């Protein structure tokens, strides 16, 4: 018999990056009595991952729960960046409604459209929370109109269009249904969740069924599957069968060793869970995202949401530079292979393929940031490897080549508009819309090939003097737009192996911008700077003074070196050319030529020109 579980509400918080989802969850946890009154709680407590705290973005979806009156509210905090859209897509299967958070100044942004479309397609009711209402430049009425226009564009149902609007300041912990007057806490939002998000409709007596939407890992208990009990109940030590909609012939019997429910930031062990509960299960070896946990006698898989395909690919390979194995703990092809395939367990948007070489693997993801986060995570775990230039994945549709397109929304000062439009024009960008903003800013909307944006991030920051904001979202496939010049500058390449010295660097800096400082160990074929010319220039940064005729005492003190350019991981990935690799170790990032030997490299280049 199907009935409503009135004691539970399951809700996901969705938004564009940096619109305040995680801060909003912080306040709900604080006001839900999860922390003691005198307990010191850091900001963005849900961003538990070290990389999330450093970058100020949510990468992985997180489960939490609070109690309000006699109701338990299960909350899922989701990522806001387009590259982690796969996380959003799958967790929406667990909830009965969403809170759409929109910045009261920035308004509707590309990822707002992406996440809202996913929620509307799944016919989930929406609560719109216009956040940062306390910003001096907030424009809540206009943003409300933008949200309703977006819903009309996305063909929302009449019920979804009649969604309640809440005006909040997550930072201050206040919310209200009136944009001109804030209440002193979040009660208004909590009451709206209870009223507007429907209770799960469940059949407690039906055979067990639970879809695994997220995988966690604990070194003590192994893999932990997280999902919502769709029907029936689950008990500790119950024997179940695991099936998958994509592989219906594969069925495996297992036994549940532990059951957990979410309570605040903790997982609490329980002995039984019922339909409508969001729970975690351990004891199921090799459980995957998309698997269905079923009653032994009724193995019925639940169809899993189709995850958007990857658009960017890189080759991860074993480090074979002269410094290989000196800085990492995990350096062999077996280590690299195991780690990459382990990443597939928790990241449904990632693809890993074997190549002809046992030392190299093709890794595909949703964008540069998606793969950069994987690289940085592996690096911090002690892995040493090298990666190739990112390339986009083309599609063959009816015999024609199609490429992934991005919609780029750019907020820039008016004086920077000329250089930005010129750069994006050369990268096959097409201007769709231009709207004036506040404070001398202007908003440009472009349709641009995904490959046109590779390598543009650092240029954009330079052209806008760090004041521009660039947001992109995947916009389908379009016919190939023609050739795009990826990088017009060449590289400064080390001529010999040794240690960079002041004298050698002083002479080299006249040729371009340096990436290394005195005392840095370099090897032949390593890229140590950027050349203003289109071709590469070989330089000897290990050249010492006593090799020349200069013998004046104290002449070293007269040698002034220009500041070096410290490349971040993303900048290095943007910089590397087709014939280069990025060597990644726990201690260093080094750009290098694929062919290190100078003579061999020239022969290869000559052969390529002839072809």
Protein backbone atom coordinates (compact mmCIF):
# COMPACT_ATOMS: atom_id res chain seq x y z
CA UNK A 1 0.00 0.00 0.00
CA UNK A 2 1.46 3.37 -1.09
CA UNK A 3 1.42 6.11 1.56
CA UNK A 4 3.19 9.39 2.37
CA UNK A 5 6.04 9.41 4.90
CA UNK A 6 5.18 12.71 6.54
CA UNK A 7 8.12 12.54 8.99
CA UNK A 8 10.72 12.98 6.18
CA UNK A 9 11.63 15.56 3.51
CA UNK A 10 14.42 14.88 0.98
CA UNK A 11 15.78 18.02 -0.72
CA UNK A 12 18.83 18.98 -2.84
CA UNK A 13 20.35 22.46 -2.93
CA UNK A 14 21.35 23.43 -6.48
CA UNK A 15 22.90 26.63 -7.89
CA UNK A 16 25.56 28.23 -10.03
CA UNK A 17 29.07 28.24 -8.55
CA UNK A 18 29.61 30.76 -5.72
CA UNK A 19 25.94 31.65 -5.21
CA UNK A 20 26.03 30.48 -1.58
CA UNK A 21 24.72 26.89 -1.41
CA UNK A 22 27.27 25.61 1.10
CA UNK A 23 26.94 28.71 3.31
CA UNK A 24 23.16 28.20 3.30
CA UNK A 25 23.60 24.57 4.45
CA UNK A 26 25.94 25.83 7.22
CA UNK A 27 23.16 28.03 8.59
CA UNK A 28 20.52 25.30 8.35
CA UNK A 29 22.84 22.99 10.32
CA UNK A 30 23.53 25.65 12.96
CA UNK A 31 19.86 26.54 13.36
CA UNK A 32 18.84 22.88 13.23
CA UNK A 33 20.64 22.34 16.55
CA UNK A 34 23.46 20.22 15.10
CA UNK A 35 26.14 22.25 16.93
CA UNK A 36 26.32 23.33 20.57
CA UNK A 37 25.61 27.03 21.16
CA UNK A 38 29.20 27.70 22.22
CA UNK A 39 30.78 25.40 19.58
CA UNK A 40 33.26 27.06 17.20
CA UNK A 41 32.30 26.07 13.64
CA UNK A 42 34.38 27.02 10.60
CA UNK A 43 32.72 28.50 7.51
CA UNK A 44 31.61 26.14 4.69
CA UNK A 45 31.73 23.16 7.05
CA UNK A 46 30.30 20.90 4.30
CA UNK A 47 33.37 21.49 2.09
CA UNK A 48 35.39 18.88 3.96
CA UNK A 49 37.76 18.10 1.08
CA UNK A 50 41.09 20.00 1.28
CA UNK A 51 40.88 21.06 -2.37
CA UNK A 52 37.32 22.34 -1.87
CA UNK A 53 38.40 24.58 0.98
CA UNK A 54 41.39 25.93 -0.96
CA UNK A 55 39.45 26.72 -4.12
CA UNK A 56 36.21 27.81 -2.46
CA UNK A 57 34.10 25.48 -4.61
CA UNK A 58 32.11 22.30 -3.95
CA UNK A 59 33.46 19.33 -5.92
CA UNK A 60 31.61 16.37 -4.38
CA UNK A 61 27.95 16.21 -3.36
CA UNK A 62 27.48 15.78 0.41
CA UNK A 63 24.64 14.33 2.48
CA UNK A 64 23.50 15.78 5.77
CA UNK A 65 20.29 15.89 7.80
CA UNK A 66 18.65 18.19 10.32
CA UNK A 67 15.54 17.90 12.49
CA UNK A 68 12.89 20.63 12.44
CA UNK A 69 9.87 20.19 14.73
CA UNK A 70 8.80 16.55 14.19
CA UNK A 71 10.34 16.26 10.71
CA UNK A 72 13.71 15.00 9.50
CA UNK A 73 15.05 17.00 6.52
CA UNK A 74 17.69 15.16 4.46
CA UNK A 75 19.77 17.78 2.60
CA UNK A 76 22.18 17.18 -0.29
CA UNK A 77 24.71 19.96 -1.05
CA UNK A 78 25.67 19.75 -4.74
CA UNK A 79 28.54 21.23 -6.82
CA UNK A 80 27.89 24.45 -8.74
CA UNK A 81 30.62 24.17 -11.37
CA UNK A 82 29.65 22.84 -14.82
CA UNK A 83 32.55 20.33 -14.83
CA UNK A 84 30.97 18.48 -11.89
CA UNK A 85 27.46 18.41 -13.36
CA UNK A 86 27.49 14.60 -13.22
CA UNK A 87 27.36 14.83 -9.42
CA UNK A 88 24.18 16.94 -9.64
CA UNK A 89 22.47 14.70 -12.20
CA UNK A 90 22.70 11.53 -10.16
CA UNK A 91 21.86 12.86 -6.68
CA UNK A 92 18.58 14.36 -7.93
CA UNK A 93 17.32 10.75 -8.10
CA UNK A 94 17.38 10.68 -4.29
CA UNK A 95 15.24 13.76 -3.57
CA UNK A 96 11.61 14.88 -3.84
CA UNK A 97 12.34 18.56 -4.46
CA UNK A 98 15.10 21.18 -4.86
CA UNK A 99 16.06 24.57 -3.46
CA UNK A 100 17.41 26.70 -6.33
CA UNK A 101 19.81 29.31 -4.92
CA UNK A 102 20.35 32.43 -7.06
CA UNK A 103 22.64 35.39 -6.28
CA UNK A 104 20.58 38.58 -5.74
CA UNK A 105 23.09 40.57 -7.83
CA UNK A 106 24.45 38.15 -10.46
CA UNK A 107 21.05 36.62 -11.18
CA UNK A 108 20.58 33.69 -13.56
CA UNK A 109 23.93 32.25 -14.75
CA UNK A 110 24.83 29.37 -17.13
CA UNK A 111 24.95 26.66 -14.45
CA UNK A 112 21.66 27.93 -12.97
CA UNK A 113 20.04 26.95 -16.26
CA UNK A 114 21.83 23.57 -16.38
CA UNK A 115 20.87 22.42 -12.86
CA UNK A 116 17.33 23.82 -13.07
CA UNK A 117 16.71 22.00 -16.36
CA UNK A 118 17.75 18.69 -14.76
CA UNK A 119 15.34 19.30 -11.85
CA UNK A 120 12.45 20.33 -14.13
CA UNK A 121 13.00 17.32 -16.42
CA UNK A 122 12.62 15.06 -13.36
CA UNK A 123 9.39 16.93 -12.47
CA UNK A 124 10.75 18.00 -9.06
CA UNK A 125 9.05 20.90 -7.25
CA UNK A 126 11.29 23.97 -6.81
CA UNK A 127 11.79 26.50 -4.01
CA UNK A 128 13.71 29.54 -5.30
CA UNK A 129 15.99 31.14 -2.71
CA UNK A 130 17.34 34.55 -3.79
CA UNK A 131 20.50 34.74 -1.68
CA UNK A 132 22.86 37.59 -0.70
CA UNK A 133 19.88 39.94 -0.31
CA UNK A 134 22.06 42.10 1.95
CA UNK A 135 24.45 43.02 -0.89
CA UNK A 136 24.34 46.80 -1.56
CA UNK A 137 23.78 46.19 -5.30
CA UNK A 138 21.15 43.44 -4.83
CA UNK A 139 18.24 43.51 -7.32
CA UNK A 140 15.80 40.83 -6.05
CA UNK A 141 12.76 41.84 -8.14
CA UNK A 142 14.73 41.71 -11.42
CA UNK A 143 16.34 38.38 -10.46
CA UNK A 144 12.88 36.94 -9.66
CA UNK A 145 11.77 37.92 -13.19
CA UNK A 146 14.91 36.29 -14.66
CA UNK A 147 14.17 33.00 -12.83
CA UNK A 148 10.55 32.95 -14.04
CA UNK A 149 11.66 33.71 -17.63
CA UNK A 150 14.18 30.86 -17.41
CA UNK A 151 11.46 28.50 -16.17
CA UNK A 152 9.24 29.48 -19.12
CA UNK A 153 12.16 28.89 -21.53
CA UNK A 154 12.70 25.45 -19.97
CA UNK A 155 8.97 24.65 -20.31
CA UNK A 156 8.29 24.29 -16.60
CA UNK A 157 4.88 22.98 -15.54
CA UNK A 158 2.27 25.31 -14.04
CA UNK A 159 2.99 23.90 -10.57
CA UNK A 160 6.73 24.54 -10.98
CA UNK A 161 6.06 28.11 -12.21
CA UNK A 162 4.07 28.79 -9.03
CA UNK A 163 7.14 28.05 -6.90
CA UNK A 164 7.61 30.04 -3.67
CA UNK A 165 10.36 32.70 -3.57
CA UNK A 166 12.42 33.12 -0.40
CA UNK A 167 14.82 36.04 0.09
CA UNK A 168 17.81 35.16 2.26
CA UNK A 169 21.21 36.18 3.52
CA UNK A 170 22.98 32.87 4.13
CA UNK A 171 25.93 34.74 5.60
CA UNK A 172 23.73 36.41 8.25
CA UNK A 173 21.51 33.33 8.70
CA UNK A 174 18.25 35.11 7.86
CA UNK A 175 15.39 34.40 5.43
CA UNK A 176 12.03 35.96 4.61
CA UNK A 177 9.23 35.87 2.04
CA UNK A 178 9.47 39.69 1.83
CA UNK A 179 12.52 41.11 -0.04
CA UNK A 180 12.38 44.38 1.94
CA UNK A 181 12.31 42.88 5.43
CA UNK A 182 14.44 40.02 6.80
CA UNK A 183 13.38 37.79 9.69
CA UNK A 184 15.97 36.99 12.35
CA UNK A 185 16.53 33.34 11.39
CA UNK A 186 15.91 30.67 8.72
CA UNK A 187 12.47 29.61 10.01
CA UNK A 188 10.75 30.94 6.88
CA UNK A 189 12.87 28.68 4.62
CA UNK A 190 12.41 25.63 6.88
CA UNK A 191 8.63 26.12 6.97
CA UNK A 192 8.56 26.45 3.17
CA UNK A 193 10.51 23.16 2.82
CA UNK A 194 7.96 21.37 5.02
CA UNK A 195 4.98 22.88 3.13
CA UNK A 196 6.22 22.79 -0.46
CA UNK A 197 8.54 19.74 -0.74
CA UNK A 198 6.30 16.65 -0.85
CA UNK A 199 6.79 13.75 1.54
CA UNK A 200 8.19 10.60 -0.15
CA UNK A 201 5.44 8.28 -1.44
CA UNK A 202 6.42 4.81 -0.28
CA UNK A 203 5.28 1.21 -0.11
CA UNK A 204 6.71 -0.24 3.11
CA UNK A 205 5.42 -3.75 2.44
CA UNK A 206 6.83 -4.13 -1.11
CA UNK A 207 10.08 -6.04 -1.83
CA UNK A 208 13.30 -4.11 -1.01
CA UNK A 209 14.67 -1.73 -3.66
CA UNK A 210 17.44 0.90 -3.28
CA UNK A 211 19.38 2.73 -6.05
CA UNK A 212 23.06 3.50 -5.29
CA UNK A 213 23.60 7.17 -6.28
CA UNK A 214 26.93 7.91 -4.57
CA UNK A 215 29.94 5.86 -3.48
CA UNK A 216 32.16 6.69 -0.51
CA UNK A 217 35.22 4.78 0.70
CA UNK A 218 36.52 4.04 4.16
CA UNK A 219 39.78 2.13 4.68
CA UNK A 220 38.24 0.22 7.59
CA UNK A 221 34.91 -0.89 6.11
CA UNK A 222 35.69 -0.54 2.38
CA UNK A 223 33.16 0.74 -0.13
CA UNK A 224 30.06 2.52 1.17
CA UNK A 225 27.00 2.87 -1.08
CA UNK A 226 24.65 5.84 -0.52
CA UNK A 227 21.09 5.98 -1.83
CA UNK A 228 17.40 6.30 -1.06
CA UNK A 229 15.29 3.27 -0.12
CA UNK A 230 12.68 3.34 -2.91
CA UNK A 231 10.41 0.66 -1.45
CA UNK A 232 10.25 -1.92 1.32
CA UNK A 233 12.82 -1.93 4.10
CA UNK A 234 16.44 -2.94 4.77
CA UNK A 235 17.77 -4.67 7.86
CA UNK A 236 21.25 -5.23 9.26
CA UNK A 237 22.77 -8.57 8.04
CA UNK A 238 19.95 -8.94 5.48
CA UNK A 239 20.85 -10.96 2.38
CA UNK A 240 20.21 -8.96 -0.79
CA UNK A 241 20.93 -9.19 -4.52
CA UNK A 242 22.70 -6.45 -6.51
CA UNK A 243 21.56 -5.85 -10.11
CA UNK A 244 22.16 -3.14 -12.72
CA UNK A 245 19.81 -1.80 -15.39
CA UNK A 246 22.64 -1.77 -17.98
CA UNK A 247 23.82 -5.33 -17.24
CA UNK A 248 20.64 -7.25 -16.29
CA UNK A 249 22.37 -10.64 -16.61
CA UNK A 250 24.86 -9.77 -13.83
CA UNK A 251 23.37 -10.62 -10.42
CA UNK A 252 25.32 -10.96 -7.21
CA UNK A 253 24.15 -12.01 -3.74
CA UNK A 254 25.63 -10.09 -0.79
CA UNK A 255 24.99 -9.40 2.87
CA UNK A 256 24.67 -5.96 4.51
CA UNK A 257 27.27 -5.61 7.28
CA UNK A 258 26.42 -2.05 8.43
CA UNK A 259 23.58 0.44 7.93
CA UNK A 260 23.94 4.19 8.56
CA UNK A 261 21.61 7.17 8.55
CA UNK A 262 22.74 10.80 8.28
CA UNK A 263 22.46 13.04 11.34
CA UNK A 264 24.12 16.44 10.95
CA UNK A 265 27.69 15.87 9.81
CA UNK A 266 27.81 12.34 11.24
CA UNK A 267 26.72 8.91 10.11
CA UNK A 268 24.80 7.04 12.80
CA UNK A 269 24.61 3.24 12.81
CA UNK A 270 21.07 1.85 12.62
CA UNK A 271 19.58 -1.66 12.45
CA UNK A 272 16.75 -0.98 10.01
CA UNK A 273 15.81 1.55 7.31
CA UNK A 274 12.48 2.10 5.57
CA UNK A 275 11.29 3.39 2.20
CA UNK A 276 11.96 7.14 1.90
CA UNK A 277 15.14 7.08 4.06
CA UNK A 278 18.47 8.22 2.58
CA UNK A 279 21.03 5.81 4.00
CA UNK A 280 24.58 4.46 3.60
CA UNK A 281 25.37 0.72 3.34
CA UNK A 282 28.68 -1.09 3.79
CA UNK A 283 29.62 -4.71 3.24
CA UNK A 284 28.78 -4.75 -0.48
CA UNK A 285 32.07 -5.39 -2.31
CA UNK A 286 32.50 -3.86 -5.78
CA UNK A 287 29.19 -1.97 -5.52
CA UNK A 288 28.97 0.68 -8.27
CA UNK A 289 27.02 3.89 -8.83
CA UNK A 290 23.83 2.91 -10.70
CA UNK A 291 23.52 -0.53 -9.02
CA UNK A 292 20.19 -1.48 -7.43
CA UNK A 293 20.05 -3.32 -4.09
CA UNK A 294 17.02 -5.65 -4.24
CA UNK A 295 15.14 -8.33 -2.35
CA UNK A 296 16.73 -11.74 -3.12
CA UNK A 297 13.48 -13.02 -4.64
CA UNK A 298 12.60 -9.88 -6.67
CA UNK A 299 15.72 -8.61 -8.53
CA UNK A 300 14.25 -5.55 -10.30
CA UNK A 301 16.84 -2.88 -11.33
CA UNK A 302 15.94 0.83 -11.30
CA UNK A 303 16.93 2.71 -14.50
CA UNK A 304 19.79 5.11 -13.75
CA UNK A 305 19.91 8.68 -15.06
CA UNK A 306 21.92 9.07 -18.29
CA UNK A 307 25.05 11.04 -17.43
CA UNK A 308 26.28 13.62 -19.98
CA UNK A 309 29.27 12.47 -22.01
CA UNK A 310 32.85 13.75 -21.48
CA UNK A 311 34.10 16.48 -23.83
CA UNK A 312 37.86 16.72 -23.00
CA UNK A 313 40.54 14.02 -23.15
CA UNK A 314 44.14 13.76 -21.93
CA UNK A 315 46.70 10.96 -21.94
CA UNK A 316 48.04 10.02 -18.49
CA UNK A 317 51.32 8.12 -18.69
CA UNK A 318 54.16 6.88 -16.51
CA UNK A 319 56.81 9.54 -15.88
CA UNK A 320 59.89 8.79 -18.02
CA UNK A 321 61.85 12.02 -17.56
CA UNK A 322 65.48 12.01 -16.25
CA UNK A 323 64.09 12.86 -12.77
CA UNK A 324 61.52 10.02 -12.79
CA UNK A 325 60.95 8.24 -9.47
CA UNK A 326 62.86 10.75 -7.33
CA UNK A 327 59.88 12.60 -5.79
CA UNK A 328 56.80 10.33 -5.87
CA UNK A 329 55.72 7.30 -3.84
CA UNK A 330 53.63 5.68 -6.61
CA UNK A 331 55.46 5.73 -9.93
CA UNK A 332 54.76 2.48 -11.85
CA UNK A 333 52.15 1.78 -14.54
CA UNK A 334 50.37 -0.61 -12.14
CA UNK A 335 50.02 2.15 -9.54
CA UNK A 336 48.75 4.60 -12.17
CA UNK A 337 46.28 2.13 -13.67
CA UNK A 338 44.84 1.09 -10.29
CA UNK A 339 44.38 4.72 -9.19
CA UNK A 340 42.66 5.81 -12.42
CA UNK A 341 40.24 2.88 -12.40
CA UNK A 342 39.57 3.50 -8.70
CA UNK A 343 38.50 7.07 -9.62
CA UNK A 344 35.78 5.59 -11.86
CA UNK A 345 34.07 4.13 -8.79
CA UNK A 346 33.14 7.53 -7.40
CA UNK A 347 33.07 9.72 -10.53
CA UNK A 348 30.42 8.76 -13.09
CA UNK A 349 31.45 11.55 -15.52
CA UNK A 350 34.99 10.17 -15.91
CA UNK A 351 36.13 7.69 -18.61
CA UNK A 352 39.41 5.74 -18.58
CA UNK A 353 40.59 3.70 -21.60
CA UNK A 354 43.62 1.48 -22.06
CA UNK A 355 45.96 2.29 -24.98
CA UNK A 356 48.40 0.25 -27.08
CA UNK A 357 51.06 1.10 -24.48
CA UNK A 358 50.75 -0.45 -20.99
CA UNK A 359 52.23 2.79 -19.59
CA UNK A 360 49.59 5.20 -20.98
CA UNK A 361 45.83 5.67 -20.44
CA UNK A 362 43.28 7.92 -22.13
CA UNK A 363 41.29 9.83 -19.50
CA UNK A 364 38.18 11.80 -20.52
CA UNK A 365 36.24 14.29 -18.42
CA UNK A 366 33.66 17.06 -18.51
CA UNK A 367 36.19 19.91 -18.72
CA UNK A 368 39.67 21.14 -17.86
CA UNK A 369 38.79 21.76 -14.19
CA UNK A 370 37.32 18.25 -13.85
CA UNK A 371 40.61 16.65 -14.97
CA UNK A 372 42.75 19.21 -13.11
CA UNK A 373 41.03 18.25 -9.81
CA UNK A 374 41.77 14.56 -10.50
CA UNK A 375 45.43 15.38 -11.27
CA UNK A 376 45.83 17.54 -8.13
CA UNK A 377 44.17 14.87 -5.94
CA UNK A 378 46.52 12.15 -7.27
CA UNK A 379 49.52 14.42 -6.87
CA UNK A 380 48.70 15.03 -3.20
CA UNK A 381 48.34 11.29 -2.65
CA UNK A 382 51.98 10.79 -3.75
CA UNK A 383 51.51 9.80 -7.41
CA UNK A 384 54.09 10.74 -10.04
CA UNK A 385 53.09 10.73 -13.73
CA UNK A 386 52.86 12.92 -16.83
CA UNK A 387 49.92 14.20 -18.90
CA UNK A 388 49.50 15.39 -22.47
CA UNK A 389 47.83 18.50 -23.87
CA UNK A 390 44.02 18.47 -23.34
CA UNK A 391 42.09 17.81 -26.58
CA UNK A 392 38.36 17.93 -27.26
CA UNK A 393 36.40 14.85 -28.28
CA UNK A 394 34.77 15.17 -31.70
CA UNK A 395 31.67 13.26 -32.82
CA UNK A 396 30.85 11.80 -36.21
CA UNK A 397 27.19 12.61 -37.00
CA UNK A 398 25.90 11.48 -40.42
CA UNK A 399 29.42 11.50 -41.83
CA UNK A 400 30.18 15.06 -40.65
CA UNK A 401 32.58 16.11 -37.88
CA UNK A 402 30.83 17.77 -34.92
CA UNK A 403 32.56 19.39 -31.94
CA UNK A 404 31.43 20.29 -28.38
CA UNK A 405 30.30 23.89 -27.96
CA UNK A 406 30.24 26.04 -24.84
CA UNK A 407 28.07 29.00 -23.91
CA UNK A 408 30.36 31.58 -22.29
CA UNK A 409 28.90 34.39 -20.16
CA UNK A 410 31.48 37.09 -19.49
CA UNK A 411 31.22 40.05 -17.09
CA UNK A 412 33.98 42.60 -17.79
CA UNK A 413 34.73 46.32 -17.38
CA UNK A 414 33.71 48.22 -20.54
CA UNK A 415 37.28 49.30 -21.30
CA UNK A 416 38.35 45.64 -21.65
CA UNK A 417 35.61 44.76 -24.14
CA UNK A 418 37.69 45.33 -27.30
CA UNK A 419 40.55 42.97 -26.43
CA UNK A 420 38.21 40.23 -25.11
CA UNK A 421 36.01 40.31 -28.24
CA UNK A 422 39.08 40.28 -30.48
CA UNK A 423 40.61 37.26 -28.68
CA UNK A 424 37.34 35.28 -28.67
CA UNK A 425 36.80 36.15 -32.35
CA UNK A 426 40.11 34.51 -33.29
CA UNK A 427 39.00 31.45 -31.28
CA UNK A 428 35.79 31.13 -33.38
CA UNK A 429 33.60 32.70 -30.70
CA UNK A 430 30.25 34.11 -31.87
CA UNK A 431 28.66 36.98 -29.93
CA UNK A 432 25.04 36.14 -29.07
CA UNK A 433 24.08 38.92 -26.70
CA UNK A 434 25.42 42.07 -25.03
CA UNK A 435 23.78 43.71 -22.02
CA UNK A 436 25.02 46.67 -19.95
CA UNK A 437 25.57 45.95 -16.24
CA UNK A 438 26.14 48.14 -13.21
CA UNK A 439 29.30 49.98 -12.18
CA UNK A 440 30.83 50.26 -15.66
CA UNK A 441 30.57 46.50 -16.34
CA UNK A 442 29.11 44.84 -19.42
CA UNK A 443 27.87 41.25 -19.93
CA UNK A 444 28.77 39.42 -23.14
CA UNK A 445 27.28 36.07 -24.14
CA UNK A 446 29.26 33.95 -26.63
CA UNK A 447 28.84 30.61 -28.35
CA UNK A 448 32.35 29.17 -28.72
CA UNK A 449 33.94 25.77 -29.46
CA UNK A 450 35.22 24.04 -26.29
CA UNK A 451 38.71 23.87 -27.84
CA UNK A 452 38.64 27.66 -28.28
CA UNK A 453 38.51 28.09 -24.50
CA UNK A 454 41.49 25.80 -23.80
CA UNK A 455 44.37 28.05 -22.86
CA UNK A 456 42.22 31.19 -22.67
CA UNK A 457 41.73 31.44 -18.88
CA UNK A 458 45.06 33.08 -18.01
CA UNK A 459 44.90 35.37 -21.09
CA UNK A 460 41.43 36.49 -20.01
CA UNK A 461 42.64 37.39 -16.51
CA UNK A 462 45.54 39.39 -18.02
CA UNK A 463 43.30 41.22 -20.53
CA UNK A 464 40.76 42.18 -17.84
CA UNK A 465 43.43 42.95 -15.18
CA UNK A 466 41.88 40.29 -12.93
CA UNK A 467 38.48 42.03 -12.84
CA UNK A 468 36.63 39.84 -15.37
CA UNK A 469 34.38 36.85 -14.58
CA UNK A 470 34.12 34.03 -17.12
CA UNK A 471 31.45 31.32 -16.77
CA UNK A 472 30.84 28.52 -19.24
CA UNK A 473 28.37 25.68 -19.66
CA UNK A 474 28.21 22.86 -22.20
CA UNK A 475 25.91 23.79 -25.10
CA UNK A 476 25.67 20.67 -27.26
CA UNK A 477 27.50 19.76 -30.47
CA UNK A 478 27.83 21.80 -33.68
CA UNK A 479 29.61 21.27 -37.05
CA UNK A 480 33.41 21.73 -36.86
CA UNK A 481 34.26 25.45 -36.93
CA UNK A 482 37.68 25.19 -38.62
CA UNK A 483 41.24 25.58 -37.35
CA UNK A 484 42.01 27.56 -34.20
CA UNK A 485 45.55 28.70 -33.42
CA UNK A 486 46.10 27.18 -29.95
CA UNK A 487 49.26 28.98 -28.91
CA UNK A 488 51.22 31.58 -30.82
CA UNK A 489 54.23 31.74 -28.46
CA UNK A 490 57.02 29.17 -28.45
CA UNK A 491 58.91 27.71 -25.48
CA UNK A 492 62.35 28.35 -24.00
CA UNK A 493 63.90 24.86 -23.80
CA UNK A 494 66.83 23.84 -21.57
CA UNK A 495 69.90 22.88 -23.60
CA UNK A 496 71.57 20.65 -20.99
CA UNK A 497 70.95 18.85 -17.69
CA UNK A 498 72.17 20.52 -14.50
CA UNK A 499 71.29 23.27 -12.05
CA UNK A 500 70.01 26.67 -13.20
CA UNK A 501 72.41 29.46 -12.17
CA UNK A 502 72.01 33.24 -12.03
CA UNK A 503 74.40 33.90 -14.90
CA UNK A 504 72.68 31.47 -17.29
CA UNK A 505 69.21 32.73 -16.33
CA UNK A 506 70.31 36.36 -16.76
CA UNK A 507 71.26 35.67 -20.37
CA UNK A 508 68.13 33.55 -20.97
CA UNK A 509 65.66 36.13 -19.65
CA UNK A 510 66.38 38.37 -22.65
CA UNK A 511 64.76 35.65 -24.79
CA UNK A 512 61.41 35.54 -22.92
CA UNK A 513 59.61 34.96 -19.61
CA UNK A 514 61.28 32.44 -17.25
CA UNK A 515 59.54 29.72 -15.19
CA UNK A 516 62.57 28.68 -13.08
CA UNK A 517 64.76 30.39 -10.50
CA UNK A 518 68.46 29.89 -9.56
CA UNK A 519 69.09 26.51 -7.91
CA UNK A 520 66.28 24.72 -9.81
CA UNK A 521 67.36 21.39 -11.27
CA UNK A 522 66.66 21.18 -15.01
CA UNK A 523 67.23 18.58 -17.72
CA UNK A 524 67.73 18.69 -21.48
CA UNK A 525 64.37 19.18 -23.21
CA UNK A 526 62.68 20.73 -20.16
CA UNK A 527 60.66 23.90 -20.86
CA UNK A 528 62.02 26.66 -18.62
CA UNK A 529 60.18 29.66 -20.06
CA UNK A 530 57.94 31.20 -22.69
CA UNK A 531 59.34 32.67 -25.89
CA UNK A 532 57.67 35.73 -27.50
CA UNK A 533 58.37 34.17 -30.91
CA UNK A 534 56.33 31.39 -32.49
CA UNK A 535 59.26 28.96 -32.61
CA UNK A 536 61.04 27.32 -29.65
CA UNK A 537 64.43 28.67 -28.52
CA UNK A 538 67.07 26.54 -26.81
CA UNK A 539 68.89 28.25 -23.92
CA UNK A 540 71.63 27.16 -21.54
CA UNK A 541 70.53 28.18 -18.05
CA UNK A 542 73.30 26.09 -16.44
CA UNK A 543 76.03 28.22 -18.06
CA UNK A 544 78.40 29.52 -15.37
CA UNK A 545 80.42 32.71 -15.39
CA UNK A 546 83.90 31.15 -15.34
CA UNK A 547 83.35 29.58 -18.76
CA UNK A 548 83.40 33.07 -20.34
CA UNK A 549 86.00 35.86 -20.35
CA UNK A 550 84.14 37.85 -17.67
CA UNK A 551 86.26 37.67 -14.55
CA UNK A 552 85.42 40.90 -12.70
CA UNK A 553 84.89 40.37 -8.96
CA UNK A 554 81.41 41.10 -7.71
CA UNK A 555 79.85 41.07 -11.20
CA UNK A 556 77.24 38.54 -9.98
CA UNK A 557 75.75 41.24 -7.77
CA UNK A 558 75.08 43.38 -10.84
CA UNK A 559 72.98 40.64 -12.48
CA UNK A 560 69.33 41.42 -11.79
CA UNK A 561 66.79 38.72 -12.65
CA UNK A 562 63.22 39.55 -13.64
CA UNK A 563 60.48 37.91 -11.51
CA UNK A 564 59.70 34.38 -12.71
CA UNK A 565 56.24 33.22 -13.73
CA UNK A 566 55.01 30.58 -11.26
CA UNK A 567 52.66 28.33 -13.23
CA UNK A 568 49.63 26.85 -11.44
CA UNK A 569 48.39 23.42 -12.54
CA UNK A 570 45.58 24.92 -14.68
CA UNK A 571 47.97 27.46 -16.27
CA UNK A 572 50.46 24.69 -17.09
CA UNK A 573 47.69 22.56 -18.68
CA UNK A 574 46.64 25.58 -20.74
CA UNK A 575 50.24 26.32 -21.77
CA UNK A 576 51.51 22.94 -22.98
CA UNK A 577 51.69 22.45 -26.76
CA UNK A 578 51.03 19.33 -28.81
CA UNK A 579 54.69 18.24 -28.66
CA UNK A 580 54.95 18.81 -24.88
CA UNK A 581 54.01 16.98 -21.67
CA UNK A 582 53.38 18.12 -18.12
CA UNK A 583 55.41 16.15 -15.57
CA UNK A 584 53.51 15.95 -12.28
CA UNK A 585 55.11 14.97 -8.95
CA UNK A 586 54.08 15.66 -5.33
CA UNK A 587 56.72 18.41 -5.17
CA UNK A 588 56.96 19.91 -8.68
CA UNK A 589 55.21 20.62 -11.97
CA UNK A 590 57.59 20.55 -14.94
CA UNK A 591 56.74 21.19 -18.57
CA UNK A 592 58.90 19.15 -20.98
CA UNK A 593 59.20 18.25 -24.63
CA UNK A 594 57.98 14.78 -25.60
CA UNK A 595 61.33 14.24 -27.37
CA UNK A 596 64.05 15.44 -24.99
CA UNK A 597 67.10 15.09 -27.23
CA UNK A 598 67.67 18.28 -29.26
CA UNK A 599 68.88 16.50 -32.42
CA UNK A 600 66.06 13.95 -32.39
CA UNK A 601 63.51 16.70 -31.81
CA UNK A 602 64.68 18.66 -34.86
CA UNK A 603 64.52 15.52 -37.03
CA UNK A 604 60.97 14.82 -35.82
CA UNK A 605 59.89 18.41 -36.53
CA UNK A 606 61.41 18.26 -40.03
CA UNK A 607 59.62 14.97 -40.74
CA UNK A 608 56.30 16.44 -39.56
CA UNK A 609 56.73 19.49 -41.79
CA UNK A 610 57.41 17.27 -44.80
CA UNK A 611 54.23 15.28 -44.07
